[in-house]
C-alpha cells in the first residue's frame, strides 16, 4: 500500500518518463512484509537545471506524509532524460544493509 502511494504521488508531481519504486525492506532488519525502506529511480524533465539536493528536496516535499510515517529510508536516484540516457538507463544498486543491531551483536 505504501509503495502504491509513493508511486502515485511521484507520478502526479513529476510526470516521469521512468519511475521505479522498489520496496527494499526485506534487505533490512525489519519485520516481514514491512514497507519502510524504498529505492526510487525517477527520471523527469522537472529536474532540468536543478542540482541533486534540490531534486531530493522536491521529492521529500511530495512524500512528506510518508516520510513522517511509515517510510524509514528512501534511496533516491533522480535524473533528467538526457542524464538517464547517458547512464545507459541504469541506476546504482542499493548496498547491502549492515543490519543495525545485527552489526552491534557481533
Protein backbone atom coordinates (compact mmCIF):
# COMPACT_ATOMS: atom_id res chain seq x y z
CA UNK A 1 0.00 0.00 0.00
CA UNK A 2 2.79 2.46 0.88
CA UNK A 3 4.61 1.64 -2.34
CA UNK A 4 1.50 2.45 -4.39
CA UNK A 5 1.07 5.75 -2.53
CA UNK A 6 4.65 6.71 -3.29
CA UNK A 7 4.24 5.78 -6.96
CA UNK A 8 1.00 7.74 -7.25
CA UNK A 9 2.37 10.89 -5.61
CA UNK A 10 5.55 10.89 -7.67
CA UNK A 11 3.64 10.24 -10.90
CA UNK A 12 1.31 13.16 -10.23
CA UNK A 13 4.05 15.57 -9.16
CA UNK A 14 6.75 14.83 -11.74
CA UNK A 15 5.13 13.17 -14.78
CA UNK A 16 8.21 10.97 -15.06
CA UNK A 17 9.33 9.14 -18.16
CA UNK A 18 10.76 6.46 -15.85
CA UNK A 19 9.53 5.65 -12.36
CA UNK A 20 10.74 2.66 -10.38
CA UNK A 21 9.76 2.29 -6.74
CA UNK A 22 11.23 -0.79 -5.10
CA UNK A 23 10.43 -1.93 -1.60
CA UNK A 24 13.82 -2.94 -0.17
CA UNK A 25 12.57 -3.51 3.37
CA UNK A 26 13.36 -7.22 3.10
CA UNK A 27 17.05 -6.27 2.92
CA UNK A 28 16.93 -4.70 6.39
CA UNK A 29 16.29 -5.65 10.00
CA UNK A 30 12.55 -5.11 9.95
CA UNK A 31 9.53 -7.40 10.38
CA UNK A 32 8.46 -9.47 7.39
CA UNK A 33 6.18 -7.65 4.87
CA UNK A 34 7.33 -4.22 6.08
CA UNK A 35 7.14 -1.16 3.86
CA UNK A 36 9.81 1.00 5.42
CA UNK A 37 12.79 1.11 3.03
CA UNK A 38 12.42 2.14 -0.60
CA UNK A 39 14.63 2.75 -3.61
CA UNK A 40 13.28 5.25 -6.14
CA UNK A 41 14.53 5.84 -9.66
CA UNK A 42 12.85 8.94 -11.05
CA UNK A 43 13.53 10.40 -14.50
CA UNK A 44 11.76 13.66 -15.25
CA UNK A 45 12.11 16.86 -17.24
CA UNK A 46 11.19 18.62 -13.98
CA UNK A 47 14.79 18.08 -12.82
CA UNK A 48 16.35 20.07 -15.64
CA UNK A 49 18.67 22.76 -14.29
CA UNK A 50 18.36 21.51 -10.70
CA UNK A 51 21.16 20.14 -8.57
CA UNK A 52 20.79 16.84 -6.79
CA UNK A 53 19.93 18.45 -3.45
CA UNK A 54 17.08 20.46 -4.98
CA UNK A 55 15.76 17.36 -6.73
CA UNK A 56 15.77 15.39 -3.50
CA UNK A 57 14.12 18.24 -1.61
CA UNK A 58 11.35 18.30 -4.22
CA UNK A 59 10.77 14.56 -3.78
CA UNK A 60 10.83 14.87 0.02
CA UNK A 61 8.20 17.63 -0.16
CA UNK A 62 5.91 15.43 -2.26
CA UNK A 63 6.37 12.45 0.06
CA UNK A 64 6.33 14.37 3.37
CA UNK A 65 3.44 12.35 4.82
CA UNK A 66 5.06 9.02 4.00
CA UNK A 67 8.41 10.20 5.42
CA UNK A 68 6.73 11.26 8.67
CA UNK A 69 5.01 7.91 8.96
CA UNK A 70 5.85 4.50 7.62
CA UNK A 71 8.93 5.26 5.48
CA UNK A 72 12.21 5.00 7.36
CA UNK A 73 14.63 5.16 4.44
CA UNK A 74 14.39 6.45 0.88
CA UNK A 75 17.22 5.94 -1.62
CA UNK A 76 16.74 8.49 -4.41
CA UNK A 77 18.19 8.33 -7.91
CA UNK A 78 16.91 11.38 -9.81
CA UNK A 79 17.78 12.16 -13.41
CA UNK A 80 16.76 14.21 -16.40
CA UNK A 81 16.01 12.17 -19.54
CA UNK A 82 19.40 13.14 -21.02
CA UNK A 83 21.23 12.10 -17.85
CA UNK A 84 19.33 8.80 -17.85
CA UNK A 85 20.38 8.13 -21.44
CA UNK A 86 23.99 8.99 -20.61
CA UNK A 87 23.87 6.45 -17.75
CA UNK A 88 22.71 3.75 -20.19
CA UNK A 89 19.35 3.77 -18.41
CA UNK A 90 20.73 2.32 -15.19
CA UNK A 91 20.86 3.47 -11.59
CA UNK A 92 23.20 2.09 -8.93
CA UNK A 93 22.05 -0.81 -6.79
CA UNK A 94 21.49 -0.27 -3.10
CA UNK A 95 24.27 -1.51 -0.84
CA UNK A 96 23.70 -4.44 1.48
CA UNK A 97 22.38 -3.47 4.89
CA UNK A 98 24.79 -3.90 7.77
CA UNK A 99 21.82 -4.75 9.94
CA UNK A 100 21.95 -2.04 12.60
CA UNK A 101 21.51 -4.11 15.74
CA UNK A 102 22.76 -7.21 13.88
CA UNK A 103 26.12 -5.50 13.36
CA UNK A 104 26.23 -4.49 17.03
CA UNK A 105 25.75 -8.10 18.15
CA UNK A 106 28.99 -9.25 16.50
